[in-house]
Structures are given as structure tokens and as C-alpha cells.
Amino acid sequence: MRIDKFLKVSRLVKRRTVAKELADQGRIKVNGRVVKSSYDVKVGDSIEVGYGTRQVKAKVLDIRETTKKAEASELYEIVD
């Protein structure tokens, strides 16, 4: 699954277009490397998303095409 779609499905980012823009601006890192929106996410990847002054770090636990809002947090684990 593409990184922009994963961020939207997991509700880490509200909209896929916003996730794509973040990737195009170089604000998304996977395993320490800046990636484009077409990057293929795998279970176990470590994702860092930069929102202005805030950095969110998460580890991918599961990948699903769709998910309900209540189950979205099961797809990742926040890492400090």
C-alpha cells in the first residue's frame, strides 16, 4: 500500500491529498529515509511525519485497505 493511502486509512493524516503534499515536501521519512508518496509501506516500517513544529513517529503493525475509525489505531503504534 502506498504511504499516502496508509496515512489516510490509519487516520495519521486526515486526507490523502494532504499526505501526498507532505511527502512531496520531504516531510515523511520511513526507516530514516525521506520517501515519496508512492513508497510501498510494509509491516514493521518506522514512519516519521513532520507537521510544522510537531514530529509524529509510528511503527506499522498492520496494513488494511479500509478500516473503521475505532480500529484505525490498531494499524500503528506511536513511538517516542
Protein backbone atom coordinates (compact mmCIF):
# COMPACT_ATOMS: atom_id res chain seq x y z
CA MET A 1 0.00 0.00 0.00
CA ARG A 2 1.24 3.49 -0.84
CA ILE A 3 2.40 5.66 2.08
CA ASP A 4 -0.14 8.41 1.33
CA LYS A 5 -3.03 5.92 1.40
CA PHE A 6 -1.73 4.24 4.58
CA LEU A 7 -1.54 7.58 6.40
CA LYS A 8 -5.13 8.33 5.41
CA VAL A 9 -6.51 4.85 6.27
CA SER A 10 -4.69 4.85 9.63
CA ARG A 11 -6.00 8.38 10.32
CA LEU A 12 -2.50 9.74 11.00
CA VAL A 13 -3.33 12.34 8.32
CA LYS A 14 -6.90 13.48 7.59
CA ARG A 15 -6.77 13.47 3.80
CA ARG A 16 -4.77 11.56 1.22
CA THR A 17 -4.04 14.74 -0.73
CA VAL A 18 -2.51 16.26 2.41
CA ALA A 19 -0.39 13.13 2.91
CA LYS A 20 0.78 13.36 -0.72
CA GLU A 21 1.73 17.02 -0.25
CA LEU A 22 3.67 16.19 2.94
CA ALA A 23 5.60 13.50 1.04
CA ASP A 24 6.29 15.84 -1.89
CA GLN A 25 7.69 18.42 0.57
CA GLY A 26 10.01 15.80 2.10
CA ARG A 27 8.28 15.72 5.49
CA ILE A 28 7.71 11.95 5.59
CA LYS A 29 10.51 9.56 6.49
CA VAL A 30 10.38 5.78 6.56
CA ASN A 31 13.18 3.98 8.39
CA GLY A 32 15.15 7.25 8.47
CA ARG A 33 14.90 7.96 4.71
CA VAL A 34 12.78 10.65 3.06
CA VAL A 35 10.22 8.95 0.78
CA LYS A 36 7.84 9.94 -1.98
CA SER A 37 4.08 9.38 -1.83
CA SER A 38 4.41 6.23 -3.96
CA TYR A 39 6.55 4.41 -1.35
CA ASP A 40 5.21 0.90 -0.62
CA VAL A 41 4.62 0.53 3.14
CA LYS A 42 5.48 -2.78 4.82
CA VAL A 43 4.67 -4.15 8.28
CA GLY A 44 7.47 -3.17 10.67
CA ASP A 45 8.34 0.11 8.92
CA SER A 46 9.06 3.10 11.15
CA ILE A 47 7.29 6.24 9.87
CA GLU A 48 8.07 9.85 10.85
CA VAL A 49 5.65 12.59 9.80
CA GLY A 50 6.51 16.25 10.29
CA TYR A 51 3.59 18.61 10.93
CA GLY A 52 5.11 22.08 11.21
CA THR A 53 6.79 22.04 14.63
CA ARG A 54 5.50 18.59 15.62
CA GLN A 55 7.04 15.20 14.72
CA VAL A 56 4.94 12.02 14.94
CA LYS A 57 6.78 8.69 14.96
CA ALA A 58 4.86 5.47 14.43
CA LYS A 59 5.60 1.81 13.72
CA VAL A 60 3.42 -0.03 11.20
CA LEU A 61 1.72 -3.04 12.82
CA ASP A 62 -0.85 -3.97 10.16
CA ILE A 63 -1.96 -2.94 6.68
CA ARG A 64 -5.63 -2.87 5.65
CA GLU A 65 -7.34 -1.35 2.61
CA THR A 66 -10.15 0.12 4.72
CA THR A 67 -10.80 0.47 8.43
CA LYS A 68 -13.33 1.97 10.80
CA LYS A 69 -12.39 4.97 12.89
CA ALA A 70 -12.34 2.93 16.10
CA GLU A 71 -9.97 0.35 14.59
CA ALA A 72 -7.59 2.79 12.88
CA SER A 73 -5.21 2.96 15.85
CA GLU A 74 -4.63 -0.82 15.57
CA LEU A 75 -2.66 -0.26 12.35
CA TYR A 76 0.23 1.53 14.07
CA GLU A 77 1.98 2.10 17.39
CA ILE A 78 3.23 5.55 18.42
CA VAL A 79 6.95 5.52 19.23
CA ASP A 80 8.68 8.16 21.37
